[in-house]
Amino acid sequence: MFDNLKNLGDLKDKAEDLAGDHADAIKGGLEKAGDLVDDKTGGKYSDHIDTGVDKAQDFVEKLGDQND
């Protein structure tokens, strides 16, 4: 059980490293994914999609900041 917790800690550290090193690329990918979903739904859920993308981008930024 404790090995699983250690593995989770390792994964968190790796995610922080990646977010810190590649935040702009990740945030750009999130924006493209949001645009794709928005296009596929005909703009019906644009506000919700934009909110989700913004929150995800903020999370990536905060995760990268923890790496510093």
PDB file of N, CA and C in Angstrom:
ATOM      1  N   MET A   1       0.822  -1.181   0.000  1.00  0.00           N
ATOM      2  CA  MET A   1       0.000   0.000   0.000  1.00  0.00           C
ATOM      3  C   MET A   1       0.873   1.255   0.000  1.00  0.00           C
ATOM      4  N   PHE A   2       1.927   1.278   0.814  1.00  0.00           N
ATOM      5  CA  PHE A   2       2.789   2.451   0.878  1.00  0.00           C
ATOM      6  C   PHE A   2       3.606   2.626  -0.400  1.00  0.00           C
ATOM      7  N   ASP A   3       3.873   1.515  -1.091  1.00  0.00           N
ATOM      8  CA  ASP A   3       4.561   1.623  -2.382  1.00  0.00           C
ATOM      9  C   ASP A   3       3.682   2.364  -3.380  1.00  0.00           C
ATOM     10  N   ASN A   4       2.376   2.109  -3.325  1.00  0.00           N
ATOM     11  CA  ASN A   4       1.441   2.812  -4.220  1.00  0.00           C
ATOM     12  C   ASN A   4       1.432   4.304  -3.922  1.00  0.00           C
ATOM     13  N   LEU A   5       1.490   4.658  -2.633  1.00  0.00           N
ATOM     14  CA  LEU A   5       1.529   6.076  -2.275  1.00  0.00           C
ATOM     15  C   LEU A   5       2.814   6.725  -2.753  1.00  0.00           C
ATOM     16  N   LYS A   6       3.918   6.000  -2.658  1.00  0.00           N
ATOM     17  CA  LYS A   6       5.194   6.525  -3.147  1.00  0.00           C
ATOM     18  C   LYS A   6       5.125   6.723  -4.659  1.00  0.00           C
ATOM     19  N   ASN A   7       4.520   5.772  -5.349  1.00  0.00           N
ATOM     20  CA  ASN A   7       4.368   5.895  -6.804  1.00  0.00           C
ATOM     21  C   ASN A   7       3.516   7.100  -7.167  1.00  0.00           C
ATOM     22  N   LEU A   8       2.479   7.357  -6.391  1.00  0.00           N
ATOM     23  CA  LEU A   8       1.642   8.539  -6.643  1.00  0.00           C
ATOM     24  C   LEU A   8       2.454   9.817  -6.447  1.00  0.00           C
ATOM     25  N   GLY A   9       3.298   9.832  -5.434  1.00  0.00           N
ATOM     26  CA  GLY A   9       4.161  10.984  -5.206  1.00  0.00           C
ATOM     27  C   GLY A   9       5.125  11.194  -6.357  1.00  0.00           C
ATOM     28  N   ASP A  10       5.662  10.088  -6.874  1.00  0.00           N
ATOM     29  CA  ASP A  10       6.570  10.170  -8.020  1.00  0.00           C
ATOM     30  C   ASP A  10       5.844  10.706  -9.252  1.00  0.00           C
ATOM     31  N   LEU A  11       4.620  10.228  -9.465  1.00  0.00           N
ATOM     32  CA  LEU A  11       3.834  10.710 -10.608  1.00  0.00           C
ATOM     33  C   LEU A  11       3.523  12.191 -10.483  1.00  0.00           C
ATOM     34  N   LYS A  12       3.208  12.625  -9.262  1.00  0.00           N
ATOM     35  CA  LYS A  12       2.921  14.039  -9.031  1.00  0.00           C
ATOM     36  C   LYS A  12       4.161  14.877  -9.342  1.00  0.00           C
ATOM     37  N   ASP A  13       5.330  14.411  -8.896  1.00  0.00           N
ATOM     38  CA  ASP A  13       6.575  15.126  -9.174  1.00  0.00           C
ATOM     39  C   ASP A  13       6.843  15.212 -10.675  1.00  0.00           C
ATOM     40  N   LYS A  14       6.604  14.120 -11.388  1.00  0.00           N
ATOM     41  CA  LYS A  14       6.811  14.121 -12.837  1.00  0.00           C
ATOM     42  C   LYS A  14       5.844  15.072 -13.532  1.00  0.00           C
ATOM     43  N   ALA A  15       4.573  15.076 -13.068  1.00  0.00           N
ATOM     44  CA  ALA A  15       3.583  15.983 -13.650  1.00  0.00           C
ATOM     45  C   ALA A  15       3.973  17.436 -13.416  1.00  0.00           C
ATOM     46  N   GLU A  16       4.480  17.737 -12.220  1.00  0.00           N
ATOM     47  CA  GLU A  16       4.929  19.095 -11.928  1.00  0.00           C
ATOM     48  C   GLU A  16       6.100  19.482 -12.821  1.00  0.00           C
ATOM     49  N   ASP A  17       7.044  18.561 -13.017  1.00  0.00           N
ATOM     50  CA  ASP A  17       8.188  18.832 -13.885  1.00  0.00           C
ATOM     51  C   ASP A  17       7.736  19.117 -15.315  1.00  0.00           C
ATOM     52  N   LEU A  18       6.853  18.252 -15.830  1.00  0.00           N
ATOM     53  CA  LEU A  18       6.367  18.435 -17.200  1.00  0.00           C
ATOM     54  C   LEU A  18       5.583  19.733 -17.347  1.00  0.00           C
ATOM     55  N   ALA A  19       4.745  20.022 -16.372  1.00  0.00           N
ATOM     56  CA  ALA A  19       3.955  21.253 -16.434  1.00  0.00           C
ATOM     57  C   ALA A  19       4.859  22.475 -16.374  1.00  0.00           C
ATOM     58  N   GLY A  20       5.910  22.396 -15.578  1.00  0.00           N
ATOM     59  CA  GLY A  20       6.831  23.519 -15.484  1.00  0.00           C
ATOM     60  C   GLY A  20       7.630  23.723 -16.760  1.00  0.00           C
ATOM     61  N   ASP A  21       8.032  22.609 -17.373  1.00  0.00           N
ATOM     62  CA  ASP A  21       8.876  22.687 -18.568  1.00  0.00           C
ATOM     63  C   ASP A  21       8.095  22.934 -19.853  1.00  0.00           C
ATOM     64  N   HIS A  22       6.842  22.511 -19.882  1.00  0.00           N
ATOM     65  CA  HIS A  22       6.074  22.553 -21.133  1.00  0.00           C
ATOM     66  C   HIS A  22       4.695  23.198 -20.966  1.00  0.00           C
ATOM     67  N   ALA A  23       4.570  24.121 -20.036  1.00  0.00           N
ATOM     68  CA  ALA A  23       3.263  24.729 -19.744  1.00  0.00           C
ATOM     69  C   ALA A  23       2.626  25.361 -20.975  1.00  0.00           C
ATOM     70  N   ASP A  24       3.408  26.082 -21.753  1.00  0.00           N
ATOM     71  CA  ASP A  24       2.836  26.752 -22.928  1.00  0.00           C
ATOM     72  C   ASP A  24       2.291  25.752 -23.940  1.00  0.00           C
ATOM     73  N   ALA A  25       3.017  24.677 -24.165  1.00  0.00           N
ATOM     74  CA  ALA A  25       2.562  23.659 -25.118  1.00  0.00           C
ATOM     75  C   ALA A  25       1.307  22.961 -24.611  1.00  0.00           C
ATOM     76  N   ILE A  26       1.271  22.653 -23.319  1.00  0.00           N
ATOM     77  CA  ILE A  26       0.105  21.992 -22.736  1.00  0.00           C
ATOM     78  C   ILE A  26      -1.113  22.905 -22.817  1.00  0.00           C
ATOM     79  N   LYS A  27      -0.920  24.164 -22.448  1.00  0.00           N
ATOM     80  CA  LYS A  27      -2.038  25.113 -22.483  1.00  0.00           C
ATOM     81  C   LYS A  27      -2.520  25.325 -23.918  1.00  0.00           C
ATOM     82  N   GLY A  28      -1.614  25.346 -24.876  1.00  0.00           N
ATOM     83  CA  GLY A  28      -2.007  25.458 -26.280  1.00  0.00           C
ATOM     84  C   GLY A  28      -2.798  24.247 -26.740  1.00  0.00           C
ATOM     85  N   GLY A  29      -2.387  23.069 -26.289  1.00  0.00           N
ATOM     86  CA  GLY A  29      -3.117  21.847 -26.623  1.00  0.00           C
ATOM     87  C   GLY A  29      -4.514  21.835 -26.031  1.00  0.00           C
ATOM     88  N   LEU A  30      -4.628  22.331 -24.805  1.00  0.00           N
ATOM     89  CA  LEU A  30      -5.951  22.434 -24.186  1.00  0.00           C
ATOM     90  C   LEU A  30      -6.850  23.384 -24.974  1.00  0.00           C
ATOM     91  N   GLU A  31      -6.273  24.485 -25.434  1.00  0.00           N
ATOM     92  CA  GLU A  31      -7.039  25.456 -26.231  1.00  0.00           C
ATOM     93  C   GLU A  31      -7.513  24.824 -27.539  1.00  0.00           C
ATOM     94  N   LYS A  32      -6.633  24.078 -28.201  1.00  0.00           N
ATOM     95  CA  LYS A  32      -7.005  23.412 -29.456  1.00  0.00           C
ATOM     96  C   LYS A  32      -8.082  22.366 -29.220  1.00  0.00           C
ATOM     97  N   ALA A  33      -7.961  21.612 -28.126  1.00  0.00           N
ATOM     98  CA  ALA A  33      -8.965  20.596 -27.802  1.00  0.00           C
ATOM     99  C   ALA A  33     -10.318  21.262 -27.535  1.00  0.00           C
ATOM    100  N   GLY A  34     -10.303  22.367 -26.812  1.00  0.00           N
ATOM    101  CA  GLY A  34     -11.538  23.096 -26.551  1.00  0.00           C
ATOM    102  C   GLY A  34     -12.172  23.607 -27.826  1.00  0.00           C
ATOM    103  N   ASP A  35     -11.342  24.121 -28.725  1.00  0.00           N
ATOM    104  CA  ASP A  35     -11.854  24.610 -30.007  1.00  0.00           C
ATOM    105  C   ASP A  35     -12.468  23.466 -30.830  1.00  0.00           C
ATOM    106  N   LEU A  36     -11.838  22.296 -30.792  1.00  0.00           N
ATOM    107  CA  LEU A  36     -12.346  21.143 -31.522  1.00  0.00           C
ATOM    108  C   LEU A  36     -13.707  20.718 -30.976  1.00  0.00           C
ATOM    109  N   VAL A  37     -13.810  20.622 -29.657  1.00  0.00           N
ATOM    110  CA  VAL A  37     -15.081  20.238 -29.036  1.00  0.00           C
ATOM    111  C   VAL A  37     -16.152  21.294 -29.327  1.00  0.00           C
ATOM    112  N   ASP A  38     -15.759  22.544 -29.242  1.00  0.00           N
ATOM    113  CA  ASP A  38     -16.700  23.631 -29.525  1.00  0.00           C
ATOM    114  C   ASP A  38     -17.211  23.525 -30.959  1.00  0.00           C
ATOM    115  N   ASP A  39     -16.319  23.232 -31.883  1.00  0.00           N
ATOM    116  CA  ASP A  39     -16.701  23.079 -33.287  1.00  0.00           C
ATOM    117  C   ASP A  39     -17.641  21.888 -33.470  1.00  0.00           C
ATOM    118  N   LYS A  40     -17.315  20.772 -32.818  1.00  0.00           N
ATOM    119  CA  LYS A  40     -18.124  19.554 -32.960  1.00  0.00           C
ATOM    120  C   LYS A  40     -19.518  19.717 -32.348  1.00  0.00           C
ATOM    121  N   THR A  41     -19.654  20.574 -31.362  1.00  0.00           N
ATOM    122  CA  THR A  41     -20.967  20.795 -30.736  1.00  0.00           C
ATOM    123  C   THR A  41     -21.689  21.990 -31.344  1.00  0.00           C
ATOM    124  N   GLY A  42     -21.115  22.557 -32.394  1.00  0.00           N
ATOM    125  CA  GLY A  42     -21.758  23.667 -33.078  1.00  0.00           C
ATOM    126  C   GLY A  42     -21.841  24.936 -32.250  1.00  0.00           C
ATOM    127  N   GLY A  43     -20.934  25.076 -31.290  1.00  0.00           N
ATOM    128  CA  GLY A  43     -20.905  26.273 -30.464  1.00  0.00           C
ATOM    129  C   GLY A  43     -21.976  26.311 -29.386  1.00  0.00           C
ATOM    130  N   LYS A  44     -22.719  25.222 -29.256  1.00  0.00           N
ATOM    131  CA  LYS A  44     -23.834  25.180 -28.314  1.00  0.00           C
ATOM    132  C   LYS A  44     -23.374  25.320 -26.862  1.00  0.00           C
ATOM    133  N   TYR A  45     -22.171  24.846 -26.577  1.00  0.00           N
ATOM    134  CA  TYR A  45     -21.671  24.843 -25.199  1.00  0.00           C
ATOM    135  C   TYR A  45     -20.406  25.690 -25.047  1.00  0.00           C
ATOM    136  N   SER A  46     -20.276  26.703 -25.865  1.00  0.00           N
ATOM    137  CA  SER A  46     -19.055  27.514 -25.889  1.00  0.00           C
ATOM    138  C   SER A  46     -18.659  28.051 -24.528  1.00  0.00           C
ATOM    139  N   ASP A  47     -19.602  28.586 -23.791  1.00  0.00           N
ATOM    140  CA  ASP A  47     -19.285  29.165 -22.477  1.00  0.00           C
ATOM    141  C   ASP A  47     -18.755  28.103 -21.525  1.00  0.00           C
ATOM    142  N   HIS A  48     -19.381  26.936 -21.526  1.00  0.00           N
ATOM    143  CA  HIS A  48     -18.946  25.864 -20.640  1.00  0.00           C
ATOM    144  C   HIS A  48     -17.566  25.347 -21.036  1.00  0.00           C
ATOM    145  N   ILE A  49     -17.347  25.211 -22.321  1.00  0.00           N
ATOM    146  CA  ILE A  49     -16.060  24.725 -22.822  1.00  0.00           C
ATOM    147  C   ILE A  49     -14.960  25.729 -22.485  1.00  0.00           C
ATOM    148  N   ASP A  50     -15.222  27.002 -22.707  1.00  0.00           N
ATOM    149  CA  ASP A  50     -14.228  28.032 -22.389  1.00  0.00           C
ATOM    150  C   ASP A  50     -13.888  28.035 -20.904  1.00  0.00           C
ATOM    151  N   THR A  51     -14.902  27.876 -20.064  1.00  0.00           N
ATOM    152  CA  THR A  51     -14.672  27.832 -18.622  1.00  0.00           C
ATOM    153  C   THR A  51     -13.810  26.629 -18.251  1.00  0.00           C
ATOM    154  N   GLY A  52     -14.124  25.479 -18.831  1.00  0.00           N
ATOM    155  CA  GLY A  52     -13.346  24.271 -18.560  1.00  0.00           C
ATOM    156  C   GLY A  52     -11.911  24.399 -19.011  1.00  0.00           C
ATOM    157  N   VAL A  53     -11.709  24.945 -20.196  1.00  0.00           N
ATOM    158  CA  VAL A  53     -10.351  25.146 -20.719  1.00  0.00           C
ATOM    159  C   VAL A  53      -9.589  26.117 -19.833  1.00  0.00           C
ATOM    160  N   ASP A  54     -10.212  27.204 -19.438  1.00  0.00           N
ATOM    161  CA  ASP A  54      -9.554  28.180 -18.568  1.00  0.00           C
ATOM    162  C   ASP A  54      -9.142  27.558 -17.241  1.00  0.00           C
ATOM    163  N   LYS A  55     -10.022  26.757 -16.645  1.00  0.00           N
ATOM    164  CA  LYS A  55      -9.703  26.107 -15.376  1.00  0.00           C
ATOM    165  C   LYS A  55      -8.571  25.095 -15.543  1.00  0.00           C
ATOM    166  N   ALA A  56      -8.590  24.350 -16.632  1.00  0.00           N
ATOM    167  CA  ALA A  56      -7.532  23.383 -16.884  1.00  0.00           C
ATOM    168  C   ALA A  56      -6.191  24.089 -17.093  1.00  0.00           C
ATOM    169  N   GLN A  57      -6.211  25.200 -17.823  1.00  0.00           N
ATOM    170  CA  GLN A  57      -4.982  25.961 -18.044  1.00  0.00           C
ATOM    171  C   GLN A  57      -4.456  26.555 -16.743  1.00  0.00           C
ATOM    172  N   ASP A  58      -5.347  27.033 -15.900  1.00  0.00           N
ATOM    173  CA  ASP A  58      -4.941  27.548 -14.589  1.00  0.00           C
ATOM    174  C   ASP A  58      -4.305  26.443 -13.748  1.00  0.00           C
ATOM    175  N   PHE A  59      -4.893  25.241 -13.808  1.00  0.00           N
ATOM    176  CA  PHE A  59      -4.353  24.110 -13.058  1.00  0.00           C
ATOM    177  C   PHE A  59      -2.942  23.774 -13.538  1.00  0.00           C
ATOM    178  N   VAL A  60      -2.748  23.755 -14.843  1.00  0.00           N
ATOM    179  CA  VAL A  60      -1.427  23.463 -15.397  1.00  0.00           C
ATOM    180  C   VAL A  60      -0.423  24.510 -14.929  1.00  0.00           C
ATOM    181  N   GLU A  61      -0.820  25.764 -14.926  1.00  0.00           N
ATOM    182  CA  GLU A  61       0.050  26.838 -14.490  1.00  0.00           C
ATOM    183  C   GLU A  61       0.420  26.679 -13.015  1.00  0.00           C
ATOM    184  N   LYS A  62      -0.573  26.366 -12.181  1.00  0.00           N
ATOM    185  CA  LYS A  62      -0.309  26.183 -10.746  1.00  0.00           C
ATOM    186  C   LYS A  62       0.568  24.963 -10.505  1.00  0.00           C
ATOM    187  N   LEU A  63       0.326  23.903 -11.260  1.00  0.00           N
ATOM    188  CA  LEU A  63       1.134  22.702 -11.124  1.00  0.00           C
ATOM    189  C   LEU A  63       2.583  22.978 -11.497  1.00  0.00           C
ATOM    190  N   GLY A  64       2.773  23.759 -12.553  1.00  0.00           N
ATOM    191  CA  GLY A  64       4.127  24.126 -12.966  1.00  0.00           C
ATOM    192  C   GLY A  64       4.794  25.030 -11.953  1.00  0.00           C
ATOM    193  N   ASP A  65       4.022  25.897 -11.299  1.00  0.00           N
ATOM    194  CA  ASP A  65       4.577  26.791 -10.290  1.00  0.00           C
ATOM    195  C   ASP A  65       5.063  26.020  -9.067  1.00  0.00           C
ATOM    196  N   GLN A  66       4.444  24.882  -8.774  1.00  0.00           N
ATOM    197  CA  GLN A  66       4.877  24.066  -7.641  1.00  0.00           C
ATOM    198  C   GLN A  66       6.239  23.447  -7.898  1.00  0.00           C
ATOM    199  N   ASN A  67       6.608  23.362  -9.150  1.00  0.00           N
ATOM    200  CA  ASN A  67       7.894  22.799  -9.540  1.00  0.00           C
ATOM    201  C   ASN A  67       9.043  23.756  -9.238  1.00  0.00           C
ATOM    202  N   ASP A  68       8.760  25.047  -9.155  1.00  0.00           N
ATOM    203  CA  ASP A  68       9.820  26.055  -8.961  1.00  0.00           C
ATOM    204  C   ASP A  68      10.412  26.020  -7.586  1.00  0.00           C
TER     205      ASP A  68
END
